[in-house]
PDB file of N, CA and C in Angstrom:
ATOM      1  N   MET A   1       0.827  -1.156   0.000  1.00  0.00           N
ATOM      2  CA  MET A   1       0.000   0.000   0.000  1.00  0.00           C
ATOM      3  C   MET A   1       0.880   1.230   0.000  1.00  0.00           C
ATOM      4  N   ALA A   2       0.716   2.040  -0.988  1.00  0.00           N
ATOM      5  CA  ALA A   2       1.504   3.258  -1.121  1.00  0.00           C
ATOM      6  C   ALA A   2       0.765   4.404  -0.470  1.00  0.00           C
ATOM      7  N   SER A   3       1.499   5.118   0.277  1.00  0.00           N
ATOM      8  CA  SER A   3       0.891   6.242   0.992  1.00  0.00           C
ATOM      9  C   SER A   3       1.180   7.524   0.234  1.00  0.00           C
ATOM     10  N   SER A   4       0.123   8.266  -0.072  1.00  0.00           N
ATOM     11  CA  SER A   4       0.296   9.526  -0.772  1.00  0.00           C
ATOM     12  C   SER A   4       0.312  10.697   0.208  1.00  0.00           C
ATOM     13  N   GLU A   5       0.292  10.385   1.468  1.00  0.00           N
ATOM     14  CA  GLU A   5       0.299  11.422   2.495  1.00  0.00           C
ATOM     15  C   GLU A   5       1.716  11.984   2.639  1.00  0.00           C
ATOM     16  N   ARG A   6       1.813  13.297   2.655  1.00  0.00           N
ATOM     17  CA  ARG A   6       3.126  13.964   2.780  1.00  0.00           C
ATOM     18  C   ARG A   6       3.349  14.371   4.228  1.00  0.00           C
ATOM     19  N   TYR A   7       4.528  14.098   4.689  1.00  0.00           N
ATOM     20  CA  TYR A   7       4.879  14.507   6.045  1.00  0.00           C
ATOM     21  C   TYR A   7       5.613  15.848   5.989  1.00  0.00           C
ATOM     22  N   PRO A   8       5.334  16.710   6.944  1.00  0.00           N
ATOM     23  CA  PRO A   8       6.063  18.003   6.960  1.00  0.00           C
ATOM     24  C   PRO A   8       7.485  17.789   7.490  1.00  0.00           C
ATOM     25  N   LEU A   9       8.363  17.408   6.575  1.00  0.00           N
ATOM     26  CA  LEU A   9       9.724  17.027   6.954  1.00  0.00           C
ATOM     27  C   LEU A   9      10.474  18.179   7.627  1.00  0.00           C
ATOM     28  N   ARG A  10      10.299  19.357   7.096  1.00  0.00           N
ATOM     29  CA  ARG A  10      10.971  20.519   7.661  1.00  0.00           C
ATOM     30  C   ARG A  10      10.557  20.729   9.117  1.00  0.00           C
ATOM     31  N   GLN A  11       9.290  20.619   9.379  1.00  0.00           N
ATOM     32  CA  GLN A  11       8.768  20.811  10.730  1.00  0.00           C
ATOM     33  C   GLN A  11       9.238  19.702  11.670  1.00  0.00           C
ATOM     34  N   ILE A  12       9.317  18.489  11.156  1.00  0.00           N
ATOM     35  CA  ILE A  12       9.768  17.358  11.980  1.00  0.00           C
ATOM     36  C   ILE A  12      11.230  17.551  12.395  1.00  0.00           C
ATOM     37  N   ILE A  13      12.066  17.967  11.443  1.00  0.00           N
ATOM     38  CA  ILE A  13      13.481  18.192  11.750  1.00  0.00           C
ATOM     39  C   ILE A  13      13.637  19.323  12.764  1.00  0.00           C
ATOM     40  N   LEU A  14      12.902  20.400  12.567  1.00  0.00           N
ATOM     41  CA  LEU A  14      12.964  21.544  13.486  1.00  0.00           C
ATOM     42  C   LEU A  14      12.490  21.161  14.883  1.00  0.00           C
ATOM     43  N   ASP A  15      11.405  20.407  14.965  1.00  0.00           N
ATOM     44  CA  ASP A  15      10.912  19.956  16.268  1.00  0.00           C
ATOM     45  C   ASP A  15      11.923  19.033  16.955  1.00  0.00           C
ATOM     46  N   ASP A  16      12.538  18.159  16.161  1.00  0.00           N
ATOM     47  CA  ASP A  16      13.532  17.239  16.712  1.00  0.00           C
ATOM     48  C   ASP A  16      14.737  18.002  17.269  1.00  0.00           C
ATOM     49  N   LEU A  17      15.190  19.002  16.512  1.00  0.00           N
ATOM     50  CA  LEU A  17      16.340  19.801  16.965  1.00  0.00           C
ATOM     51  C   LEU A  17      16.033  20.580  18.234  1.00  0.00           C
ATOM     52  N   THR A  18      14.862  21.172  18.289  1.00  0.00           N
ATOM     53  CA  THR A  18      14.531  22.022  19.434  1.00  0.00           C
ATOM     54  C   THR A  18      14.087  21.238  20.659  1.00  0.00           C
ATOM     55  N   SER A  19      13.584  20.053  20.484  1.00  0.00           N
ATOM     56  CA  SER A  19      13.076  19.321  21.650  1.00  0.00           C
ATOM     57  C   SER A  19      14.136  18.458  22.321  1.00  0.00           C
ATOM     58  N   SER A  20      14.907  17.726  21.551  1.00  0.00           N
ATOM     59  CA  SER A  20      15.810  16.764  22.179  1.00  0.00           C
ATOM     60  C   SER A  20      17.285  17.149  22.086  1.00  0.00           C
ATOM     61  N   ASN A  21      17.653  18.139  21.285  1.00  0.00           N
ATOM     62  CA  ASN A  21      19.061  18.483  21.093  1.00  0.00           C
ATOM     63  C   ASN A  21      19.350  19.925  21.524  1.00  0.00           C
ATOM     64  N   LYS A  22      18.799  20.329  22.638  1.00  0.00           N
ATOM     65  CA  LYS A  22      19.014  21.705  23.090  1.00  0.00           C
ATOM     66  C   LYS A  22      20.478  21.944  23.437  1.00  0.00           C
ATOM     67  N   LEU A  23      21.124  20.972  24.021  1.00  0.00           N
ATOM     68  CA  LEU A  23      22.536  21.120  24.369  1.00  0.00           C
ATOM     69  C   LEU A  23      23.391  21.244  23.106  1.00  0.00           C
ATOM     70  N   ALA A  24      23.093  20.461  22.092  1.00  0.00           N
ATOM     71  CA  ALA A  24      23.848  20.540  20.836  1.00  0.00           C
ATOM     72  C   ALA A  24      23.669  21.899  20.182  1.00  0.00           C
ATOM     73  N   LEU A  25      22.441  22.439  20.197  1.00  0.00           N
ATOM     74  CA  LEU A  25      22.198  23.763  19.628  1.00  0.00           C
ATOM     75  C   LEU A  25      22.928  24.849  20.415  1.00  0.00           C
ATOM     76  N   LEU A  26      22.918  24.726  21.733  1.00  0.00           N
ATOM     77  CA  LEU A  26      23.621  25.690  22.564  1.00  0.00           C
ATOM     78  C   LEU A  26      25.117  25.658  22.270  1.00  0.00           C
ATOM     79  N   LEU A  27      25.685  24.455  22.158  1.00  0.00           N
ATOM     80  CA  LEU A  27      27.106  24.331  21.845  1.00  0.00           C
ATOM     81  C   LEU A  27      27.430  24.872  20.454  1.00  0.00           C
ATOM     82  N   LEU A  28      26.557  24.629  19.489  1.00  0.00           N
ATOM     83  CA  LEU A  28      26.755  25.165  18.137  1.00  0.00           C
ATOM     84  C   LEU A  28      26.748  26.688  18.167  1.00  0.00           C
ATOM     85  N   PHE A  29      25.792  27.257  18.888  1.00  0.00           N
ATOM     86  CA  PHE A  29      25.717  28.712  19.006  1.00  0.00           C
ATOM     87  C   PHE A  29      26.979  29.259  19.671  1.00  0.00           C
ATOM     88  N   LEU A  30      27.456  28.602  20.720  1.00  0.00           N
ATOM     89  CA  LEU A  30      28.660  29.061  21.415  1.00  0.00           C
ATOM     90  C   LEU A  30      29.901  28.962  20.529  1.00  0.00           C
ATOM     91  N   VAL A  31      29.986  27.914  19.717  1.00  0.00           N
ATOM     92  CA  VAL A  31      31.121  27.774  18.797  1.00  0.00           C
ATOM     93  C   VAL A  31      31.113  28.897  17.772  1.00  0.00           C
ATOM     94  N   ILE A  32      29.941  29.205  17.223  1.00  0.00           N
ATOM     95  CA  ILE A  32      29.836  30.283  16.232  1.00  0.00           C
ATOM     96  C   ILE A  32      30.153  31.633  16.876  1.00  0.00           C
ATOM     97  N   ALA A  33      29.641  31.883  18.086  1.00  0.00           N
ATOM     98  CA  ALA A  33      29.917  33.142  18.787  1.00  0.00           C
ATOM     99  C   ALA A  33      31.409  33.272  19.094  1.00  0.00           C
ATOM    100  N   THR A  34      32.045  32.185  19.494  1.00  0.00           N
ATOM    101  CA  THR A  34      33.473  32.203  19.781  1.00  0.00           C
ATOM    102  C   THR A  34      34.286  32.480  18.516  1.00  0.00           C
ATOM    103  N   ALA A  35      33.877  31.897  17.406  1.00  0.00           N
ATOM    104  CA  ALA A  35      34.577  32.128  16.143  1.00  0.00           C
ATOM    105  C   ALA A  35      34.473  33.593  15.722  1.00  0.00           C
ATOM    106  N   ILE A  36      33.279  34.167  15.846  1.00  0.00           N
ATOM    107  CA  ILE A  36      33.097  35.575  15.482  1.00  0.00           C
ATOM    108  C   ILE A  36      33.915  36.470  16.410  1.00  0.00           C
ATOM    109  N   ALA A  37      33.929  36.164  17.709  1.00  0.00           N
ATOM    110  CA  ALA A  37      34.714  36.956  18.661  1.00  0.00           C
ATOM    111  C   ALA A  37      36.207  36.856  18.353  1.00  0.00           C
ATOM    112  N   THR A  38      36.669  35.677  17.975  1.00  0.00           N
ATOM    113  CA  THR A  38      38.085  35.501  17.633  1.00  0.00           C
ATOM    114  C   THR A  38      38.459  36.322  16.415  1.00  0.00           C
ATOM    115  N   ILE A  39      37.620  36.325  15.413  1.00  0.00           N
ATOM    116  CA  ILE A  39      37.881  37.115  14.202  1.00  0.00           C
ATOM    117  C   ILE A  39      37.915  38.598  14.542  1.00  0.00           C
ATOM    118  N   TRP A  40      36.977  39.068  15.350  1.00  0.00           N
ATOM    119  CA  TRP A  40      36.925  40.491  15.715  1.00  0.00           C
ATOM    120  C   TRP A  40      38.158  40.894  16.522  1.00  0.00           C
ATOM    121  N   ILE A  41      38.554  40.052  17.488  1.00  0.00           N
ATOM    122  CA  ILE A  41      39.720  40.367  18.322  1.00  0.00           C
ATOM    123  C   ILE A  41      40.994  40.376  17.480  1.00  0.00           C
ATOM    124  N   THR A  42      41.111  39.446  16.550  1.00  0.00           N
ATOM    125  CA  THR A  42      42.273  39.419  15.660  1.00  0.00           C
ATOM    126  C   THR A  42      42.340  40.686  14.823  1.00  0.00           C
ATOM    127  N   HIS A  43      41.210  41.120  14.308  1.00  0.00           N
ATOM    128  CA  HIS A  43      41.163  42.353  13.517  1.00  0.00           C
ATOM    129  C   HIS A  43      41.574  43.552  14.360  1.00  0.00           C
ATOM    130  N   GLN A  44      41.035  43.653  15.570  1.00  0.00           N
ATOM    131  CA  GLN A  44      41.385  44.771  16.459  1.00  0.00           C
ATOM    132  C   GLN A  44      42.871  44.748  16.811  1.00  0.00           C
ATOM    133  N   THR A  45      43.419  43.562  17.017  1.00  0.00           N
ATOM    134  CA  THR A  45      44.849  43.441  17.341  1.00  0.00           C
ATOM    135  C   THR A  45      45.699  43.919  16.182  1.00  0.00           C
ATOM    136  N   ARG A  46      45.321  43.569  14.967  1.00  0.00           N
ATOM    137  CA  ARG A  46      46.081  44.019  13.790  1.00  0.00           C
ATOM    138  C   ARG A  46      46.008  45.530  13.636  1.00  0.00           C
ATOM    139  N   LEU A  47      44.843  46.106  13.875  1.00  0.00           N
ATOM    140  CA  LEU A  47      44.721  47.569  13.808  1.00  0.00           C
ATOM    141  C   LEU A  47      45.608  48.239  14.846  1.00  0.00           C
ATOM    142  N   LEU A  48      45.595  47.727  16.060  1.00  0.00           N
ATOM    143  CA  LEU A  48      46.402  48.321  17.127  1.00  0.00           C
ATOM    144  C   LEU A  48      47.894  48.144  16.872  1.00  0.00           C
ATOM    145  N   THR A  49      48.284  47.015  16.292  1.00  0.00           N
ATOM    146  CA  THR A  49      49.690  46.791  15.962  1.00  0.00           C
ATOM    147  C   THR A  49      50.151  47.781  14.892  1.00  0.00           C
ATOM    148  N   ALA A  50      49.321  48.024  13.889  1.00  0.00           N
ATOM    149  CA  ALA A  50      49.659  49.001  12.850  1.00  0.00           C
ATOM    150  C   ALA A  50      49.757  50.401  13.453  1.00  0.00           C
ATOM    151  N   GLU A  51      48.829  50.740  14.331  1.00  0.00           N
ATOM    152  CA  GLU A  51      48.861  52.053  14.978  1.00  0.00           C
ATOM    153  C   GLU A  51      50.109  52.187  15.846  1.00  0.00           C
ATOM    154  N   GLN A  52      50.477  51.127  16.537  1.00  0.00           N
ATOM    155  CA  GLN A  52      51.675  51.163  17.377  1.00  0.00           C
ATOM    156  C   GLN A  52      52.914  51.413  16.511  1.00  0.00           C
ATOM    157  N   GLY A  53      52.983  50.778  15.344  1.00  0.00           N
ATOM    158  CA  GLY A  53      54.120  50.990  14.445  1.00  0.00           C
ATOM    159  C   GLY A  53      54.239  52.434  14.013  1.00  0.00           C
ATOM    160  N   SER A  54      53.122  53.052  13.660  1.00  0.00           N
ATOM    161  CA  SER A  54      53.175  54.458  13.248  1.00  0.00           C
ATOM    162  C   SER A  54      53.519  55.362  14.426  1.00  0.00           C
ATOM    163  N   LEU A  55      53.051  55.021  15.626  1.00  0.00           N
ATOM    164  CA  LEU A  55      53.391  55.828  16.798  1.00  0.00           C
ATOM    165  C   LEU A  55      54.873  55.690  17.154  1.00  0.00           C
ATOM    166  N   VAL A  56      55.447  54.508  16.959  1.00  0.00           N
ATOM    167  CA  VAL A  56      56.876  54.326  17.210  1.00  0.00           C
ATOM    168  C   VAL A  56      57.684  55.178  16.230  1.00  0.00           C
ATOM    169  N   LYS A  57      57.280  55.194  14.958  1.00  0.00           N
ATOM    170  CA  LYS A  57      57.961  56.033  13.960  1.00  0.00           C
ATOM    171  C   LYS A  57      57.862  57.505  14.338  1.00  0.00           C
ATOM    172  N   GLN A  58      56.673  57.929  14.736  1.00  0.00           N
ATOM    173  CA  GLN A  58      56.474  59.318  15.122  1.00  0.00           C
ATOM    174  C   GLN A  58      57.324  59.654  16.355  1.00  0.00           C
ATOM    175  N   ASN A  59      57.408  58.730  17.302  1.00  0.00           N
ATOM    176  CA  ASN A  59      58.220  58.957  18.502  1.00  0.00           C
ATOM    177  C   ASN A  59      59.694  59.102  18.143  1.00  0.00           C
ATOM    178  N   ARG A  60      60.193  58.251  17.249  1.00  0.00           N
ATOM    179  CA  ARG A  60      61.592  58.354  16.814  1.00  0.00           C
ATOM    180  C   ARG A  60      61.846  59.687  16.127  1.00  0.00           C
ATOM    181  N   ARG A  61      60.910  60.093  15.265  1.00  0.00           N
ATOM    182  CA  ARG A  61      61.069  61.365  14.564  1.00  0.00           C
ATOM    183  C   ARG A  61      61.106  62.532  15.555  1.00  0.00           C
ATOM    184  N   LEU A  62      60.228  62.487  16.561  1.00  0.00           N
ATOM    185  CA  LEU A  62      60.209  63.543  17.571  1.00  0.00           C
ATOM    186  C   LEU A  62      61.474  63.527  18.429  1.00  0.00           C
ATOM    187  N   GLU A  63      61.973  62.328  18.755  1.00  0.00           N
ATOM    188  CA  GLU A  63      63.217  62.247  19.515  1.00  0.00           C
ATOM    189  C   GLU A  63      64.383  62.833  18.728  1.00  0.00           C
ATOM    190  N   ASN A  64      64.454  62.526  17.426  1.00  0.00           N
ATOM    191  CA  ASN A  64      65.508  63.101  16.583  1.00  0.00           C
ATOM    192  C   ASN A  64      65.393  64.615  16.522  1.00  0.00           C
ATOM    193  N   GLN A  65      64.176  65.102  16.368  1.00  0.00           N
ATOM    194  CA  GLN A  65      63.957  66.544  16.323  1.00  0.00           C
ATOM    195  C   GLN A  65      64.372  67.178  17.653  1.00  0.00           C
ATOM    196  N   TYR A  66      64.074  66.529  18.752  1.00  0.00           N
ATOM    197  CA  TYR A  66      64.445  67.044  20.075  1.00  0.00           C
ATOM    198  C   TYR A  66      65.961  67.107  20.224  1.00  0.00           C
ATOM    199  N   ILE A  67      66.661  66.065  19.765  1.00  0.00           N
ATOM    200  CA  ILE A  67      68.123  66.051  19.840  1.00  0.00           C
ATOM    201  C   ILE A  67      68.704  67.184  19.006  1.00  0.00           C
ATOM    202  N   HIS A  68      68.168  67.390  17.806  1.00  0.00           N
ATOM    203  CA  HIS A  68      68.651  68.486  16.956  1.00  0.00           C
ATOM    204  C   HIS A  68      68.406  69.841  17.617  1.00  0.00           C
ATOM    205  N   LEU A  69      67.242  69.991  18.242  1.00  0.00           N
ATOM    206  CA  LEU A  69      66.953  71.250  18.925  1.00  0.00           C
ATOM    207  C   LEU A  69      67.885  71.459  20.119  1.00  0.00           C
ATOM    208  N   GLN A  70      68.209  70.383  20.832  1.00  0.00           N
ATOM    209  CA  GLN A  70      69.158  70.513  21.941  1.00  0.00           C
ATOM    210  C   GLN A  70      70.533  70.931  21.432  1.00  0.00           C
ATOM    211  N   LEU A  71      70.980  70.336  20.328  1.00  0.00           N
ATOM    212  CA  LEU A  71      72.267  70.717  19.744  1.00  0.00           C
ATOM    213  C   LEU A  71      72.263  72.173  19.300  1.00  0.00           C
ATOM    214  N   GLU A  72      71.168  72.576  18.667  1.00  0.00           N
ATOM    215  CA  GLU A  72      71.061  73.961  18.222  1.00  0.00           C
ATOM    216  C   GLU A  72      71.074  74.917  19.412  1.00  0.00           C
ATOM    217  N   GLU A  73      70.368  74.543  20.465  1.00  0.00           N
ATOM    218  CA  GLU A  73      70.343  75.378  21.668  1.00  0.00           C
ATOM    219  C   GLU A  73      71.740  75.475  22.284  1.00  0.00           C
ATOM    220  N   TYR A  74      72.441  74.359  22.339  1.00  0.00           N
ATOM    221  CA  TYR A  74      73.790  74.364  22.882  1.00  0.00           C
ATOM    222  C   TYR A  74      74.702  75.233  22.023  1.00  0.00           C
ATOM    223  N   THR A  75      74.585  75.093  20.691  1.00  0.00           N
ATOM    224  CA  THR A  75      75.425  75.872  19.785  1.00  0.00           C
ATOM    225  C   THR A  75      75.161  77.361  19.947  1.00  0.00           C
ATOM    226  N   LEU A  76      73.896  77.723  19.990  1.00  0.00           N
ATOM    227  CA  LEU A  76      73.562  79.142  20.148  1.00  0.00           C
ATOM    228  C   LEU A  76      74.011  79.660  21.510  1.00  0.00           C
ATOM    229  N   GLY A  77      73.837  78.866  22.546  1.00  0.00           N
ATOM    230  CA  GLY A  77      74.272  79.272  23.876  1.00  0.00           C
ATOM    231  C   GLY A  77      75.782  79.397  23.949  1.00  0.00           C
ATOM    232  N   HIS A  78      76.485  78.481  23.300  1.00  0.00           N
ATOM    233  CA  HIS A  78      77.942  78.506  23.287  1.00  0.00           C
ATOM    234  C   HIS A  78      78.438  79.741  22.544  1.00  0.00           C
ATOM    235  N   ARG A  79      77.795  80.103  21.461  1.00  0.00           N
ATOM    236  CA  ARG A  79      78.197  81.288  20.699  1.00  0.00           C
ATOM    237  C   ARG A  79      78.006  82.549  21.526  1.00  0.00           C
ATOM    238  N   ASP A  80      76.895  82.600  22.275  1.00  0.00           N
ATOM    239  CA  ASP A  80      76.676  83.759  23.142  1.00  0.00           C
ATOM    240  C   ASP A  80      77.783  83.885  24.176  1.00  0.00           C
ATOM    241  N   LYS A  81      78.247  82.752  24.711  1.00  0.00           N
ATOM    242  CA  LYS A  81      79.338  82.775  25.689  1.00  0.00           C
ATOM    243  C   LYS A  81      80.626  83.282  25.042  1.00  0.00           C
ATOM    244  N   VAL A  82      80.887  82.816  23.824  1.00  0.00           N
ATOM    245  CA  VAL A  82      82.093  83.258  23.112  1.00  0.00           C
ATOM    246  C   VAL A  82      82.012  84.757  22.837  1.00  0.00           C
ATOM    247  N   ASP A  83      80.849  85.211  22.384  1.00  0.00           N
ATOM    248  CA  ASP A  83      80.685  86.649  22.120  1.00  0.00           C
ATOM    249  C   ASP A  83      80.857  87.466  23.402  1.00  0.00           C
ATOM    250  N   GLU A  84      80.348  86.962  24.497  1.00  0.00           N
ATOM    251  CA  GLU A  84      80.481  87.666  25.786  1.00  0.00           C
ATOM    252  C   GLU A  84      81.953  87.748  26.209  1.00  0.00           C
ATOM    253  N   LYS A  85      82.692  86.648  26.063  1.00  0.00           N
ATOM    254  CA  LYS A  85      84.123  86.663  26.397  1.00  0.00           C
ATOM    255  C   LYS A  85      84.873  87.630  25.484  1.00  0.00           C
ATOM    256  N   ALA A  86      84.525  87.647  24.196  1.00  0.00           N
ATOM    257  CA  ALA A  86      85.198  88.555  23.260  1.00  0.00           C
ATOM    258  C   ALA A  86      84.966  90.006  23.663  1.00  0.00           C
ATOM    259  N   ILE A  87      83.765  90.334  24.061  1.00  0.00           N
ATOM    260  CA  ILE A  87      83.470  91.711  24.502  1.00  0.00           C
ATOM    261  C   ILE A  87      84.259  92.022  25.760  1.00  0.00           C
ATOM    262  N   ASN A  88      84.383  91.050  26.675  1.00  0.00           N
ATOM    263  CA  ASN A  88      85.175  91.258  27.892  1.00  0.00           C
ATOM    264  C   ASN A  88      86.642  91.539  27.576  1.00  0.00           C
ATOM    265  N   PHE A  89      87.166  90.916  26.498  1.00  0.00           N
ATOM    266  CA  PHE A  89      88.555  91.147  26.092  1.00  0.00           C
ATOM    267  C   PHE A  89      88.703  92.399  25.226  1.00  0.00           C
ATOM    268  N   GLY A  90      87.602  93.056  24.917  1.00  0.00           N
ATOM    269  CA  GLY A  90      87.660  94.284  24.127  1.00  0.00           C
ATOM    270  C   GLY A  90      87.633  94.044  22.632  1.00  0.00           C
ATOM    271  N   LEU A  91      87.252  92.866  22.208  1.00  0.00           N
ATOM    272  CA  LEU A  91      87.180  92.568  20.766  1.00  0.00           C
ATOM    273  C   LEU A  91      85.819  92.998  20.224  1.00  0.00           C
ATOM    274  N   ARG A  92      85.818  93.347  18.922  1.00  0.00           N
ATOM    275  CA  ARG A  92      84.588  93.744  18.267  1.00  0.00           C
ATOM    276  C   ARG A  92      84.385  92.894  17.017  1.00  0.00           C
ATOM    277  N   PRO A  93      83.134  92.762  16.592  1.00  0.00           N
ATOM    278  CA  PRO A  93      82.905  92.030  15.338  1.00  0.00           C
ATOM    279  C   PRO A  93      83.459  92.809  14.146  1.00  0.00           C
ATOM    280  N   ILE A  94      83.847  92.061  13.123  1.00  0.00           N
ATOM    281  CA  ILE A  94      84.373  92.681  11.901  1.00  0.00           C
ATOM    282  C   ILE A  94      83.199  93.029  10.998  1.00  0.00           C
ATOM    283  N   HIS A  95      83.231  94.229  10.427  1.00  0.00           N
ATOM    284  CA  HIS A  95      82.201  94.665   9.478  1.00  0.00           C
ATOM    285  C   HIS A  95      82.638  94.299   8.069  1.00  0.00           C
ATOM    286  N   LYS A  96      81.715  94.272   7.146  1.00  0.00           N
ATOM    287  CA  LYS A  96      82.003  93.882   5.751  1.00  0.00           C
ATOM    288  C   LYS A  96      83.056  94.781   5.116  1.00  0.00           C
ATOM    289  N   ASP A  97      83.024  96.060   5.433  1.00  0.00           N
ATOM    290  CA  ASP A  97      83.983  96.975   4.809  1.00  0.00           C
ATOM    291  C   ASP A  97      85.396  96.810   5.382  1.00  0.00           C
ATOM    292  N   GLN A  98      85.529  96.084   6.491  1.00  0.00           N
ATOM    293  CA  GLN A  98      86.846  95.852   7.087  1.00  0.00           C
ATOM    294  C   GLN A  98      87.454  94.524   6.636  1.00  0.00           C
ATOM    295  N   GLU A  99      86.706  93.705   5.938  1.00  0.00           N
ATOM    296  CA  GLU A  99      87.214  92.402   5.519  1.00  0.00           C
ATOM    297  C   GLU A  99      88.187  92.534   4.371  1.00  0.00           C
ATOM    298  N   ILE A 100      89.249  91.738   4.433  1.00  0.00           N
ATOM    299  CA  ILE A 100      90.213  91.691   3.345  1.00  0.00           C
ATOM    300  C   ILE A 100      90.329  90.225   2.932  1.00  0.00           C
ATOM    301  N   ILE A 101      90.139  89.961   1.653  1.00  0.00           N
ATOM    302  CA  ILE A 101      90.209  88.605   1.136  1.00  0.00           C
ATOM    303  C   ILE A 101      91.527  88.436   0.395  1.00  0.00           C
ATOM    304  N   LEU A 102      92.336  87.471   0.799  1.00  0.00           N
ATOM    305  CA  LEU A 102      93.596  87.177   0.162  1.00  0.00           C
ATOM    306  C   LEU A 102      93.446  85.991  -0.771  1.00  0.00           C
ATOM    307  N   ILE A 103      93.966  86.124  -1.969  1.00  0.00           N
ATOM    308  CA  ILE A 103      93.896  85.037  -2.945  1.00  0.00           C
ATOM    309  C   ILE A 103      95.341  84.613  -3.219  1.00  0.00           C
ATOM    310  N   GLN A 104      95.611  83.345  -3.035  1.00  0.00           N
ATOM    311  CA  GLN A 104      96.960  82.821  -3.244  1.00  0.00           C
ATOM    312  C   GLN A 104      97.049  82.270  -4.663  1.00  0.00           C
ATOM    313  N   SER A 105      98.044  82.726  -5.406  1.00  0.00           N
ATOM    314  CA  SER A 105      98.215  82.213  -6.767  1.00  0.00           C
ATOM    315  C   SER A 105      99.346  81.203  -6.778  1.00  0.00           C
ATOM    316  N   LYS A 106      99.307  80.305  -7.723  1.00  0.00           N
ATOM    317  CA  LYS A 106     100.322  79.245  -7.803  1.00  0.00           C
ATOM    318  C   LYS A 106     101.523  79.682  -8.544  1.00  0.00           C
TER     319      LYS A 106
END
């Protein structure tokens, strides 16, 4: 005897999953949530690593600039000291009209 009656297969599978396999569904949901969280954390870590690299470059550039400024400050301060000592000894700066340029010929 052939049965022409159709069973709602989709509904049977859904009822079976929700009634007797609640633990399996919970574990499946947790695995998917963990996978999504892992992907998101990996992405955030890569972004932060890239940002850290650019901040390290910027820090090095600022440190170099600071060292150059310290050297410039020292040079300017040292020149002021030399000029002050020269004035104490009675020396004066040379003006353009007082300069004499000597050219040595072979």
